[in-house]
Amino acid sequence: MSKKILLVEDDKMLTEMYSLKFAEFGYKVTQANSGLSGYKLAIKTKPDIIMLDIILPEMDGFSVLKKLKSNKATENIPVFFLTNLKQEEDVIRGKKEGAVDYLVKADLTPAQVLEKINKFLKK
């Protein structure tokens, strides 16, 4: 059975690019274009992993992560931040609040992001 990835990203071009790359490797991708819809979809679909941007409409990624980690239904779903915020305090905050990893979009290709997901899920 293919693993499910929830991609929470408001940039349509990036959403398509990452979705295609993940699907190419057999992942089932669900998309959300706002923090609130991402949170609701996580509860509804129980993905194996969540790729979460930080700067999002309705609710930012830090708030989404906090809500996910405080909800029994979603607290154990691994969350990767996939963002362009690269300030050290954001990285520290993300990991402190429960993100498995903090990936900076500008520093990684979709293939490199996929590699990190594959490594993590094959643990």
PDB file of N, CA and C in Angstrom:
ATOM      1  N   MET A   1       0.845  -1.192   0.000  1.00  0.00           N
ATOM      2  CA  MET A   1       0.000   0.000   0.000  1.00  0.00           C
ATOM      3  C   MET A   1       0.886   1.250   0.000  1.00  0.00           C
ATOM      4  N   SER A   2       0.537   2.208  -0.839  1.00  0.00           N
ATOM      5  CA  SER A   2       1.400   3.385  -0.923  1.00  0.00           C
ATOM      6  C   SER A   2       1.198   4.317   0.268  1.00  0.00           C
ATOM      7  N   LYS A   3       2.296   4.921   0.664  1.00  0.00           N
ATOM      8  CA  LYS A   3       2.290   5.855   1.790  1.00  0.00           C
ATOM      9  C   LYS A   3       1.631   7.160   1.343  1.00  0.00           C
ATOM     10  N   LYS A   4       0.969   7.811   2.306  1.00  0.00           N
ATOM     11  CA  LYS A   4       0.260   9.056   2.006  1.00  0.00           C
ATOM     12  C   LYS A   4       1.037  10.260   2.523  1.00  0.00           C
ATOM     13  N   ILE A   5       1.179  11.255   1.653  1.00  0.00           N
ATOM     14  CA  ILE A   5       1.814  12.515   2.024  1.00  0.00           C
ATOM     15  C   ILE A   5       0.773  13.617   1.917  1.00  0.00           C
ATOM     16  N   LEU A   6       0.674  14.427   2.970  1.00  0.00           N
ATOM     17  CA  LEU A   6      -0.155  15.621   2.903  1.00  0.00           C
ATOM     18  C   LEU A   6       0.794  16.788   2.672  1.00  0.00           C
ATOM     19  N   LEU A   7       0.602  17.499   1.573  1.00  0.00           N
ATOM     20  CA  LEU A   7       1.438  18.642   1.214  1.00  0.00           C
ATOM     21  C   LEU A   7       0.636  19.912   1.464  1.00  0.00           C
ATOM     22  N   VAL A   8       1.083  20.708   2.439  1.00  0.00           N
ATOM     23  CA  VAL A   8       0.390  21.953   2.773  1.00  0.00           C
ATOM     24  C   VAL A   8       1.261  23.106   2.271  1.00  0.00           C
ATOM     25  N   GLU A   9       0.858  23.663   1.140  1.00  0.00           N
ATOM     26  CA  GLU A   9       1.663  24.677   0.431  1.00  0.00           C
ATOM     27  C   GLU A   9       0.708  25.583  -0.338  1.00  0.00           C
ATOM     28  N   ASP A  10       0.887  26.896  -0.226  1.00  0.00           N
ATOM     29  CA  ASP A  10      -0.026  27.815  -0.918  1.00  0.00           C
ATOM     30  C   ASP A  10       0.472  28.264  -2.287  1.00  0.00           C
ATOM     31  N   ASP A  11       1.683  27.910  -2.666  1.00  0.00           N
ATOM     32  CA  ASP A  11       2.204  28.252  -3.985  1.00  0.00           C
ATOM     33  C   ASP A  11       1.833  27.131  -4.953  1.00  0.00           C
ATOM     34  N   LYS A  12       0.934  27.455  -5.887  1.00  0.00           N
ATOM     35  CA  LYS A  12       0.393  26.442  -6.802  1.00  0.00           C
ATOM     36  C   LYS A  12       1.484  25.737  -7.619  1.00  0.00           C
ATOM     37  N   MET A  13       2.449  26.493  -8.098  1.00  0.00           N
ATOM     38  CA  MET A  13       3.510  25.902  -8.908  1.00  0.00           C
ATOM     39  C   MET A  13       4.333  24.898  -8.085  1.00  0.00           C
ATOM     40  N   LEU A  14       4.682  25.293  -6.857  1.00  0.00           N
ATOM     41  CA  LEU A  14       5.450  24.393  -5.994  1.00  0.00           C
ATOM     42  C   LEU A  14       4.634  23.161  -5.622  1.00  0.00           C
ATOM     43  N   THR A  15       3.348  23.368  -5.362  1.00  0.00           N
ATOM     44  CA  THR A  15       2.467  22.247  -5.018  1.00  0.00           C
ATOM     45  C   THR A  15       2.474  21.208  -6.136  1.00  0.00           C
ATOM     46  N   GLU A  16       2.327  21.680  -7.362  1.00  0.00           N
ATOM     47  CA  GLU A  16       2.317  20.761  -8.506  1.00  0.00           C
ATOM     48  C   GLU A  16       3.665  20.072  -8.672  1.00  0.00           C
ATOM     49  N   MET A  17       4.743  20.841  -8.557  1.00  0.00           N
ATOM     50  CA  MET A  17       6.080  20.293  -8.744  1.00  0.00           C
ATOM     51  C   MET A  17       6.370  19.190  -7.712  1.00  0.00           C
ATOM     52  N   TYR A  18       6.117  19.478  -6.431  1.00  0.00           N
ATOM     53  CA  TYR A  18       6.371  18.482  -5.390  1.00  0.00           C
ATOM     54  C   TYR A  18       5.405  17.297  -5.511  1.00  0.00           C
ATOM     55  N   SER A  19       4.154  17.572  -5.806  1.00  0.00           N
ATOM     56  CA  SER A  19       3.169  16.487  -5.934  1.00  0.00           C
ATOM     57  C   SER A  19       3.572  15.509  -7.028  1.00  0.00           C
ATOM     58  N   LEU A  20       3.997  16.040  -8.167  1.00  0.00           N
ATOM     59  CA  LEU A  20       4.425  15.176  -9.272  1.00  0.00           C
ATOM     60  C   LEU A  20       5.633  14.340  -8.872  1.00  0.00           C
ATOM     61  N   LYS A  21       6.591  14.965  -8.204  1.00  0.00           N
ATOM     62  CA  LYS A  21       7.808  14.258  -7.794  1.00  0.00           C
ATOM     63  C   LYS A  21       7.465  13.150  -6.794  1.00  0.00           C
ATOM     64  N   PHE A  22       6.620  13.446  -5.816  1.00  0.00           N
ATOM     65  CA  PHE A  22       6.248  12.444  -4.809  1.00  0.00           C
ATOM     66  C   PHE A  22       5.443  11.308  -5.451  1.00  0.00           C
ATOM     67  N   ALA A  23       4.512  11.666  -6.339  1.00  0.00           N
ATOM     68  CA  ALA A  23       3.667  10.665  -6.993  1.00  0.00           C
ATOM     69  C   ALA A  23       4.500   9.751  -7.899  1.00  0.00           C
ATOM     70  N   GLU A  24       5.519  10.330  -8.513  1.00  0.00           N
ATOM     71  CA  GLU A  24       6.428   9.578  -9.380  1.00  0.00           C
ATOM     72  C   GLU A  24       7.045   8.385  -8.628  1.00  0.00           C
ATOM     73  N   PHE A  25       7.220   8.552  -7.331  1.00  0.00           N
ATOM     74  CA  PHE A  25       7.813   7.496  -6.517  1.00  0.00           C
ATOM     75  C   PHE A  25       6.771   6.705  -5.737  1.00  0.00           C
ATOM     76  N   GLY A  26       5.520   6.800  -6.186  1.00  0.00           N
ATOM     77  CA  GLY A  26       4.482   5.944  -5.633  1.00  0.00           C
ATOM     78  C   GLY A  26       3.763   6.458  -4.396  1.00  0.00           C
ATOM     79  N   TYR A  27       4.039   7.687  -4.004  1.00  0.00           N
ATOM     80  CA  TYR A  27       3.316   8.241  -2.854  1.00  0.00           C
ATOM     81  C   TYR A  27       1.956   8.764  -3.301  1.00  0.00           C
ATOM     82  N   LYS A  28       0.976   8.635  -2.423  1.00  0.00           N
ATOM     83  CA  LYS A  28      -0.352   9.197  -2.675  1.00  0.00           C
ATOM     84  C   LYS A  28      -0.347  10.583  -2.038  1.00  0.00           C
ATOM     85  N   VAL A  29      -0.522  11.617  -2.853  1.00  0.00           N
ATOM     86  CA  VAL A  29      -0.387  12.990  -2.366  1.00  0.00           C
ATOM     87  C   VAL A  29      -1.743  13.674  -2.240  1.00  0.00           C
ATOM     88  N   THR A  30      -1.975  14.252  -1.083  1.00  0.00           N
ATOM     89  CA  THR A  30      -3.146  15.090  -0.856  1.00  0.00           C
ATOM     90  C   THR A  30      -2.616  16.504  -0.675  1.00  0.00           C
ATOM     91  N   GLN A  31      -3.355  17.480  -1.225  1.00  0.00           N
ATOM     92  CA  GLN A  31      -2.875  18.859  -1.172  1.00  0.00           C
ATOM     93  C   GLN A  31      -3.823  19.759  -0.393  1.00  0.00           C
ATOM     94  N   ALA A  32      -3.220  20.719   0.313  1.00  0.00           N
ATOM     95  CA  ALA A  32      -3.998  21.764   0.982  1.00  0.00           C
ATOM     96  C   ALA A  32      -3.280  23.072   0.714  1.00  0.00           C
ATOM     97  N   ASN A  33      -4.048  24.141   0.468  1.00  0.00           N
ATOM     98  CA  ASN A  33      -3.398  25.416   0.140  1.00  0.00           C
ATOM     99  C   ASN A  33      -3.518  26.461   1.256  1.00  0.00           C
ATOM    100  N   SER A  34      -3.922  26.031   2.455  1.00  0.00           N
ATOM    101  CA  SER A  34      -3.935  26.940   3.605  1.00  0.00           C
ATOM    102  C   SER A  34      -3.677  26.122   4.867  1.00  0.00           C
ATOM    103  N   GLY A  35      -3.247  26.802   5.914  1.00  0.00           N
ATOM    104  CA  GLY A  35      -2.976  26.109   7.169  1.00  0.00           C
ATOM    105  C   GLY A  35      -4.205  25.419   7.731  1.00  0.00           C
ATOM    106  N   LEU A  36      -5.328  26.120   7.694  1.00  0.00           N
ATOM    107  CA  LEU A  36      -6.560  25.559   8.256  1.00  0.00           C
ATOM    108  C   LEU A  36      -7.026  24.328   7.482  1.00  0.00           C
ATOM    109  N   SER A  37      -7.018  24.419   6.146  1.00  0.00           N
ATOM    110  CA  SER A  37      -7.459  23.254   5.361  1.00  0.00           C
ATOM    111  C   SER A  37      -6.470  22.100   5.528  1.00  0.00           C
ATOM    112  N   GLY A  38      -5.185  22.414   5.697  1.00  0.00           N
ATOM    113  CA  GLY A  38      -4.182  21.375   5.933  1.00  0.00           C
ATOM    114  C   GLY A  38      -4.444  20.650   7.244  1.00  0.00           C
ATOM    115  N   TYR A  39      -4.757  21.408   8.276  1.00  0.00           N
ATOM    116  CA  TYR A  39      -5.052  20.813   9.584  1.00  0.00           C
ATOM    117  C   TYR A  39      -6.281  19.895   9.496  1.00  0.00           C
ATOM    118  N   LYS A  40      -7.333  20.392   8.860  1.00  0.00           N
ATOM    119  CA  LYS A  40      -8.566  19.595   8.723  1.00  0.00           C
ATOM    120  C   LYS A  40      -8.320  18.322   7.906  1.00  0.00           C
ATOM    121  N   LEU A  41      -7.541  18.451   6.821  1.00  0.00           N
ATOM    122  CA  LEU A  41      -7.231  17.282   5.987  1.00  0.00           C
ATOM    123  C   LEU A  41      -6.387  16.260   6.739  1.00  0.00           C
ATOM    124  N   ALA A  42      -5.493  16.737   7.594  1.00  0.00           N
ATOM    125  CA  ALA A  42      -4.648  15.820   8.375  1.00  0.00           C
ATOM    126  C   ALA A  42      -5.533  14.958   9.280  1.00  0.00           C
ATOM    127  N   ILE A  43      -6.528  15.559   9.901  1.00  0.00           N
ATOM    128  CA  ILE A  43      -7.441  14.815  10.779  1.00  0.00           C
ATOM    129  C   ILE A  43      -8.249  13.809   9.954  1.00  0.00           C
ATOM    130  N   LYS A  44      -8.719  14.265   8.806  1.00  0.00           N
ATOM    131  CA  LYS A  44      -9.581  13.432   7.964  1.00  0.00           C
ATOM    132  C   LYS A  44      -8.828  12.290   7.283  1.00  0.00           C
ATOM    133  N   THR A  45      -7.620  12.558   6.760  1.00  0.00           N
ATOM    134  CA  THR A  45      -6.927  11.560   5.935  1.00  0.00           C
ATOM    135  C   THR A  45      -5.834  10.783   6.660  1.00  0.00           C
ATOM    136  N   LYS A  46      -5.408  11.233   7.831  1.00  0.00           N
ATOM    137  CA  LYS A  46      -4.340  10.571   8.610  1.00  0.00           C
ATOM    138  C   LYS A  46      -3.168  10.161   7.713  1.00  0.00           C
ATOM    139  N   PRO A  47      -2.459  11.143   7.136  1.00  0.00           N
ATOM    140  CA  PRO A  47      -1.341  10.814   6.244  1.00  0.00           C
ATOM    141  C   PRO A  47      -0.177  10.187   7.012  1.00  0.00           C
ATOM    142  N   ASP A  48       0.732   9.568   6.287  1.00  0.00           N
ATOM    143  CA  ASP A  48       1.924   8.977   6.900  1.00  0.00           C
ATOM    144  C   ASP A  48       2.953  10.059   7.223  1.00  0.00           C
ATOM    145  N   ILE A  49       2.866  11.164   6.497  1.00  0.00           N
ATOM    146  CA  ILE A  49       3.816  12.256   6.692  1.00  0.00           C
ATOM    147  C   ILE A  49       3.162  13.550   6.207  1.00  0.00           C
ATOM    148  N   ILE A  50       3.508  14.664   6.846  1.00  0.00           N
ATOM    149  CA  ILE A  50       2.982  15.970   6.438  1.00  0.00           C
ATOM    150  C   ILE A  50       4.151  16.874   6.070  1.00  0.00           C
ATOM    151  N   MET A  51       4.074  17.447   4.873  1.00  0.00           N
ATOM    152  CA  MET A  51       5.045  18.445   4.425  1.00  0.00           C
ATOM    153  C   MET A  51       4.342  19.789   4.578  1.00  0.00           C
ATOM    154  N   LEU A  52       4.883  20.644   5.455  1.00  0.00           N
ATOM    155  CA  LEU A  52       4.160  21.843   5.868  1.00  0.00           C
ATOM    156  C   LEU A  52       4.970  23.115   5.645  1.00  0.00           C
ATOM    157  N   ASP A  53       4.387  24.039   4.888  1.00  0.00           N
ATOM    158  CA  ASP A  53       5.009  25.354   4.728  1.00  0.00           C
ATOM    159  C   ASP A  53       4.733  26.143   6.009  1.00  0.00           C
ATOM    160  N   ILE A  54       5.450  27.235   6.225  1.00  0.00           N
ATOM    161  CA  ILE A  54       5.201  28.051   7.421  1.00  0.00           C
ATOM    162  C   ILE A  54       4.333  29.256   7.097  1.00  0.00           C
ATOM    163  N   ILE A  55       4.666  29.944   6.003  1.00  0.00           N
ATOM    164  CA  ILE A  55       3.884  31.131   5.650  1.00  0.00           C
ATOM    165  C   ILE A  55       2.695  30.681   4.808  1.00  0.00           C
ATOM    166  N   LEU A  56       1.529  30.636   5.457  1.00  0.00           N
ATOM    167  CA  LEU A  56       0.305  30.137   4.822  1.00  0.00           C
ATOM    168  C   LEU A  56      -0.868  31.052   5.163  1.00  0.00           C
ATOM    169  N   PRO A  57      -1.887  31.085   4.295  1.00  0.00           N
ATOM    170  CA  PRO A  57      -3.098  31.833   4.645  1.00  0.00           C
ATOM    171  C   PRO A  57      -3.872  31.119   5.762  1.00  0.00           C
ATOM    172  N   GLU A  58      -4.691  31.846   6.465  1.00  0.00           N
ATOM    173  CA  GLU A  58      -5.593  31.366   7.534  1.00  0.00           C
ATOM    174  C   GLU A  58      -4.892  30.960   8.831  1.00  0.00           C
ATOM    175  N   MET A  59      -3.830  30.186   8.732  1.00  0.00           N
ATOM    176  CA  MET A  59      -3.133  29.722   9.931  1.00  0.00           C
ATOM    177  C   MET A  59      -1.701  29.392   9.516  1.00  0.00           C
ATOM    178  N   ASP A  60      -0.698  29.952  10.227  1.00  0.00           N
ATOM    179  CA  ASP A  60       0.679  29.669   9.809  1.00  0.00           C
ATOM    180  C   ASP A  60       1.100  28.254  10.218  1.00  0.00           C
ATOM    181  N   GLY A  61       2.216  27.814   9.632  1.00  0.00           N
ATOM    182  CA  GLY A  61       2.686  26.448   9.858  1.00  0.00           C
ATOM    183  C   GLY A  61       2.978  26.125  11.314  1.00  0.00           C
ATOM    184  N   PHE A  62       3.509  27.096  12.072  1.00  0.00           N
ATOM    185  CA  PHE A  62       3.785  26.848  13.488  1.00  0.00           C
ATOM    186  C   PHE A  62       2.491  26.559  14.250  1.00  0.00           C
ATOM    187  N   SER A  63       1.430  27.321  13.928  1.00  0.00           N
ATOM    188  CA  SER A  63       0.129  27.097  14.576  1.00  0.00           C
ATOM    189  C   SER A  63      -0.454  25.746  14.192  1.00  0.00           C
ATOM    190  N   VAL A  64      -0.308  25.397  12.914  1.00  0.00           N
ATOM    191  CA  VAL A  64      -0.800  24.089  12.449  1.00  0.00           C
ATOM    192  C   VAL A  64      -0.070  22.975  13.194  1.00  0.00           C
ATOM    193  N   LEU A  65       1.250  23.073  13.283  1.00  0.00           N
ATOM    194  CA  LEU A  65       2.045  22.055  13.972  1.00  0.00           C
ATOM    195  C   LEU A  65       1.602  21.920  15.430  1.00  0.00           C
ATOM    196  N   LYS A  66       1.410  23.042  16.096  1.00  0.00           N
ATOM    197  CA  LYS A  66       0.990  23.039  17.497  1.00  0.00           C
ATOM    198  C   LYS A  66      -0.350  22.319  17.653  1.00  0.00           C
ATOM    199  N   LYS A  67      -1.304  22.630  16.751  1.00  0.00           N
ATOM    200  CA  LYS A  67      -2.624  21.978  16.813  1.00  0.00           C
ATOM    201  C   LYS A  67      -2.522  20.480  16.509  1.00  0.00           C
ATOM    202  N   LEU A  68      -1.696  20.117  15.535  1.00  0.00           N
ATOM    203  CA  LEU A  68      -1.516  18.703  15.192  1.00  0.00           C
ATOM    204  C   LEU A  68      -0.950  17.928  16.380  1.00  0.00           C
ATOM    205  N   LYS A  69       0.056  18.514  17.038  1.00  0.00           N
ATOM    206  CA  LYS A  69       0.718  17.835  18.153  1.00  0.00           C
ATOM    207  C   LYS A  69      -0.149  17.778  19.404  1.00  0.00           C
ATOM    208  N   SER A  70      -1.157  18.643  19.501  1.00  0.00           N
ATOM    209  CA  SER A  70      -2.022  18.624  20.681  1.00  0.00           C
ATOM    210  C   SER A  70      -3.328  17.851  20.443  1.00  0.00           C
ATOM    211  N   ASN A  71      -3.450  17.249  19.256  1.00  0.00           N
ATOM    212  CA  ASN A  71      -4.649  16.470  18.931  1.00  0.00           C
ATOM    213  C   ASN A  71      -4.275  14.979  18.936  1.00  0.00           C
ATOM    214  N   LYS A  72      -4.978  14.192  19.727  1.00  0.00           N
ATOM    215  CA  LYS A  72      -4.697  12.743  19.848  1.00  0.00           C
ATOM    216  C   LYS A  72      -4.681  12.045  18.485  1.00  0.00           C
ATOM    217  N   ALA A  73      -5.563  12.476  17.577  1.00  0.00           N
ATOM    218  CA  ALA A  73      -5.685  11.813  16.276  1.00  0.00           C
ATOM    219  C   ALA A  73      -4.486  12.073  15.367  1.00  0.00           C
ATOM    220  N   THR A  74      -3.763  13.169  15.604  1.00  0.00           N
ATOM    221  CA  THR A  74      -2.686  13.542  14.690  1.00  0.00           C
ATOM    222  C   THR A  74      -1.327  13.727  15.373  1.00  0.00           C
ATOM    223  N   GLU A  75      -1.259  13.555  16.672  1.00  0.00           N
ATOM    224  CA  GLU A  75      -0.027  13.876  17.405  1.00  0.00           C
ATOM    225  C   GLU A  75       1.197  13.066  16.973  1.00  0.00           C
ATOM    226  N   ASN A  76       0.984  11.858  16.433  1.00  0.00           N
ATOM    227  CA  ASN A  76       2.122  11.018  16.048  1.00  0.00           C
ATOM    228  C   ASN A  76       2.472  11.056  14.564  1.00  0.00           C
ATOM    229  N   ILE A  77       1.773  11.890  13.802  1.00  0.00           N
ATOM    230  CA  ILE A  77       2.094  12.012  12.370  1.00  0.00           C
ATOM    231  C   ILE A  77       3.357  12.870  12.238  1.00  0.00           C
ATOM    232  N   PRO A  78       4.399  12.345  11.587  1.00  0.00           N
ATOM    233  CA  PRO A  78       5.629  13.125  11.407  1.00  0.00           C
ATOM    234  C   PRO A  78       5.388  14.342  10.503  1.00  0.00           C
ATOM    235  N   VAL A  79       5.893  15.490  10.939  1.00  0.00           N
ATOM    236  CA  VAL A  79       5.741  16.728  10.182  1.00  0.00           C
ATOM    237  C   VAL A  79       7.126  17.251   9.792  1.00  0.00           C
ATOM    238  N   PHE A  80       7.279  17.511   8.499  1.00  0.00           N
ATOM    239  CA  PHE A  80       8.489  18.154   7.989  1.00  0.00           C
ATOM    240  C   PHE A  80       8.103  19.573   7.600  1.00  0.00           C
ATOM    241  N   PHE A  81       8.840  20.566   8.080  1.00  0.00           N
ATOM    242  CA  PHE A  81       8.625  21.908   7.546  1.00  0.00           C
ATOM    243  C   PHE A  81       9.332  21.980   6.210  1.00  0.00           C
ATOM    244  N   LEU A  82       8.655  22.550   5.218  1.00  0.00           N
ATOM    245  CA  LEU A  82       9.221  22.768   3.890  1.00  0.00           C
ATOM    246  C   LEU A  82       8.936  24.228   3.588  1.00  0.00           C
ATOM    247  N   THR A  83       9.917  25.078   3.816  1.00  0.00           N
ATOM    248  CA  THR A  83       9.684  26.512   3.832  1.00  0.00           C
ATOM    249  C   THR A  83      10.864  27.277   3.260  1.00  0.00           C
ATOM    250  N   ASN A  84      10.692  28.573   3.081  1.00  0.00           N
ATOM    251  CA  ASN A  84      11.822  29.410   2.685  1.00  0.00           C
ATOM    252  C   ASN A  84      12.329  30.252   3.846  1.00  0.00           C
ATOM    253  N   LEU A  85      11.714  30.126   5.020  1.00  0.00           N
ATOM    254  CA  LEU A  85      12.224  30.833   6.194  1.00  0.00           C
ATOM    255  C   LEU A  85      13.470  30.099   6.659  1.00  0.00           C
ATOM    256  N   LYS A  86      14.600  30.790   6.675  1.00  0.00           N
ATOM    257  CA  LYS A  86      15.812  30.072   7.054  1.00  0.00           C
ATOM    258  C   LYS A  86      16.517  30.691   8.252  1.00  0.00           C
ATOM    259  N   GLN A  87      15.842  31.596   8.977  1.00  0.00           N
ATOM    260  CA  GLN A  87      16.434  32.161  10.187  1.00  0.00           C
ATOM    261  C   GLN A  87      16.613  31.055  11.208  1.00  0.00           C
ATOM    262  N   GLU A  88      17.721  31.114  11.907  1.00  0.00           N
ATOM    263  CA  GLU A  88      18.043  30.076  12.882  1.00  0.00           C
ATOM    264  C   GLU A  88      16.952  29.912  13.945  1.00  0.00           C
ATOM    265  N   GLU A  89      16.367  31.041  14.374  1.00  0.00           N
ATOM    266  CA  GLU A  89      15.321  30.930  15.409  1.00  0.00           C
ATOM    267  C   GLU A  89      14.087  30.180  14.908  1.00  0.00           C
ATOM    268  N   ASP A  90      13.787  30.303  13.606  1.00  0.00           N
ATOM    269  CA  ASP A  90      12.658  29.551  13.039  1.00  0.00           C
ATOM    270  C   ASP A  90      12.958  28.052  13.017  1.00  0.00           C
ATOM    271  N   VAL A  91      14.179  27.709  12.638  1.00  0.00           N
ATOM    272  CA  VAL A  91      14.598  26.302  12.589  1.00  0.00           C
ATOM    273  C   VAL A  91      14.527  25.702  14.001  1.00  0.00           C
ATOM    274  N   ILE A  92      15.082  26.411  14.969  1.00  0.00           N
ATOM    275  CA  ILE A  92      15.079  25.935  16.362  1.00  0.00           C
ATOM    276  C   ILE A  92      13.647  25.787  16.866  1.00  0.00           C
ATOM    277  N   ARG A  93      12.825  26.807  16.603  1.00  0.00           N
ATOM    278  CA  ARG A  93      11.423  26.759  17.036  1.00  0.00           C
ATOM    279  C   ARG A  93      10.684  25.573  16.404  1.00  0.00           C
ATOM    280  N   GLY A  94      10.891  25.368  15.099  1.00  0.00           N
ATOM    281  CA  GLY A  94      10.225  24.276  14.390  1.00  0.00           C
ATOM    282  C   GLY A  94      10.537  22.925  15.006  1.00  0.00           C
ATOM    283  N   LYS A  95      11.816  22.693  15.269  1.00  0.00           N
ATOM    284  CA  LYS A  95      12.215  21.395  15.846  1.00  0.00           C
ATOM    285  C   LYS A  95      11.741  21.271  17.292  1.00  0.00           C
ATOM    286  N   LYS A  96      11.809  22.380  18.036  1.00  0.00           N
ATOM    287  CA  LYS A  96      11.375  22.370  19.430  1.00  0.00           C
ATOM    288  C   LYS A  96       9.871  22.050  19.535  1.00  0.00           C
ATOM    289  N   GLU A  97       9.114  22.544  18.552  1.00  0.00           N
ATOM    290  CA  GLU A  97       7.664  22.332  18.588  1.00  0.00           C
ATOM    291  C   GLU A  97       7.238  20.989  17.991  1.00  0.00           C
ATOM    292  N   GLY A  98       8.216  20.194  17.537  1.00  0.00           N
ATOM    293  CA  GLY A  98       7.887  18.835  17.132  1.00  0.00           C
ATOM    294  C   GLY A  98       8.070  18.457  15.682  1.00  0.00           C
ATOM    295  N   ALA A  99       8.615  19.353  14.858  1.00  0.00           N
ATOM    296  CA  ALA A  99       8.862  18.977  13.460  1.00  0.00           C
ATOM    297  C   ALA A  99      10.022  17.982  13.411  1.00  0.00           C
ATOM    298  N   VAL A 100       9.891  16.979  12.577  1.00  0.00           N
ATOM    299  CA  VAL A 100      10.922  15.957  12.404  1.00  0.00           C
ATOM    300  C   VAL A 100      12.157  16.556  11.733  1.00  0.00           C
ATOM    301  N   ASP A 101      11.915  17.438  10.754  1.00  0.00           N
ATOM    302  CA  ASP A 101      13.008  18.063  10.034  1.00  0.00           C
ATOM    303  C   ASP A 101      12.542  19.424   9.539  1.00  0.00           C
ATOM    304  N   TYR A 102      13.495  20.254   9.182  1.00  0.00           N
ATOM    305  CA  TYR A 102      13.227  21.613   8.723  1.00  0.00           C
ATOM    306  C   TYR A 102      13.965  21.782   7.420  1.00  0.00           C
ATOM    307  N   LEU A 103      13.233  21.769   6.317  1.00  0.00           N
ATOM    308  CA  LEU A 103      13.835  21.816   4.993  1.00  0.00           C
ATOM    309  C   LEU A 103      13.596  23.186   4.354  1.00  0.00           C
ATOM    310  N   VAL A 104      14.662  23.789   3.850  1.00  0.00           N
ATOM    311  CA  VAL A 104      14.545  25.099   3.198  1.00  0.00           C
ATOM    312  C   VAL A 104      14.440  24.869   1.686  1.00  0.00           C
ATOM    313  N   LYS A 105      13.286  25.262   1.126  1.00  0.00           N
ATOM    314  CA  LYS A 105      12.998  25.023  -0.293  1.00  0.00           C
ATOM    315  C   LYS A 105      14.105  25.508  -1.214  1.00  0.00           C
ATOM    316  N   ALA A 106      14.624  26.703  -0.938  1.00  0.00           N
ATOM    317  CA  ALA A 106      15.627  27.302  -1.819  1.00  0.00           C
ATOM    318  C   ALA A 106      16.944  26.518  -1.810  1.00  0.00           C
ATOM    319  N   ASP A 107      17.171  25.726  -0.766  1.00  0.00           N
ATOM    320  CA  ASP A 107      18.441  24.995  -0.642  1.00  0.00           C
ATOM    321  C   ASP A 107      18.380  23.565  -1.174  1.00  0.00           C
ATOM    322  N   LEU A 108      17.179  23.083  -1.492  1.00  0.00           N
ATOM    323  CA  LEU A 108      17.027  21.676  -1.888  1.00  0.00           C
ATOM    324  C   LEU A 108      16.204  21.538  -3.162  1.00  0.00           C
ATOM    325  N   THR A 109      16.552  20.566  -3.972  1.00  0.00           N
ATOM    326  CA  THR A 109      15.727  20.254  -5.140  1.00  0.00           C
ATOM    327  C   THR A 109      14.594  19.332  -4.675  1.00  0.00           C
ATOM    328  N   PRO A 110      13.518  19.223  -5.442  1.00  0.00           N
ATOM    329  CA  PRO A 110      12.462  18.266  -5.073  1.00  0.00           C
ATOM    330  C   PRO A 110      13.009  16.843  -4.900  1.00  0.00           C
ATOM    331  N   ALA A 111      14.006  16.480  -5.707  1.00  0.00           N
ATOM    332  CA  ALA A 111      14.603  15.137  -5.587  1.00  0.00           C
ATOM    333  C   ALA A 111      15.285  14.972  -4.225  1.00  0.00           C
ATOM    334  N   GLN A 112      15.946  16.013  -3.741  1.00  0.00           N
ATOM    335  CA  GLN A 112      16.607  15.943  -2.433  1.00  0.00           C
ATOM    336  C   GLN A 112      15.576  15.873  -1.301  1.00  0.00           C
ATOM    337  N   VAL A 113      14.472  16.595  -1.460  1.00  0.00           N
ATOM    338  CA  VAL A 113      13.395  16.542  -0.465  1.00  0.00           C
ATOM    339  C   VAL A 113      12.835  15.121  -0.432  1.00  0.00           C
ATOM    340  N   LEU A 114      12.605  14.554  -1.606  1.00  0.00           N
ATOM    341  CA  LEU A 114      12.098  13.195  -1.719  1.00  0.00           C
ATOM    342  C   LEU A 114      13.053  12.200  -1.055  1.00  0.00           C
ATOM    343  N   GLU A 115      14.331  12.391  -1.244  1.00  0.00           N
ATOM    344  CA  GLU A 115      15.342  11.522  -0.644  1.00  0.00           C
ATOM    345  C   GLU A 115      15.214  11.527   0.891  1.00  0.00           C
ATOM    346  N   LYS A 116      15.014  12.709   1.465  1.00  0.00           N
ATOM    347  CA  LYS A 116      14.863  12.824   2.922  1.00  0.00           C
ATOM    348  C   LYS A 116      13.597  12.105   3.403  1.00  0.00           C
ATOM    349  N   ILE A 117      12.518  12.228   2.637  1.00  0.00           N
ATOM    350  CA  ILE A 117      11.264  11.549   2.988  1.00  0.00           C
ATOM    351  C   ILE A 117      11.466  10.034   2.918  1.00  0.00           C
ATOM    352  N   ASN A 118      12.067   9.578   1.821  1.00  0.00           N
ATOM    353  CA  ASN A 118      12.315   8.139   1.655  1.00  0.00           C
ATOM    354  C   ASN A 118      13.138   7.586   2.808  1.00  0.00           C
ATOM    355  N   LYS A 119      14.207   8.288   3.169  1.00  0.00           N
ATOM    356  CA  LYS A 119      15.066   7.859   4.279  1.00  0.00           C
ATOM    357  C   LYS A 119      14.260   7.773   5.563  1.00  0.00           C
ATOM    358  N   PHE A 120      13.473   8.793   5.817  1.00  0.00           N
ATOM    359  CA  PHE A 120      12.696   8.840   7.050  1.00  0.00           C
ATOM    360  C   PHE A 120      11.668   7.703   7.109  1.00  0.00           C
ATOM    361  N   LEU A 121      10.933   7.501   6.039  1.00  0.00           N
ATOM    362  CA  LEU A 121       9.869   6.489   6.036  1.00  0.00           C
ATOM    363  C   LEU A 121      10.393   5.063   6.022  1.00  0.00           C
ATOM    364  N   LYS A 122      11.649   4.883   5.642  1.00  0.00           N
ATOM    365  CA  LYS A 122      12.216   3.534   5.621  1.00  0.00           C
ATOM    366  C   LYS A 122      12.949   3.204   6.926  1.00  0.00           C
ATOM    367  N   LYS A 123      12.845   4.066   7.900  1.00  0.00           N
ATOM    368  CA  LYS A 123      13.498   3.849   9.194  1.00  0.00           C
ATOM    369  C   LYS A 123      13.109   2.517   9.785  1.00  0.00           C
TER     370      LYS A 123
END
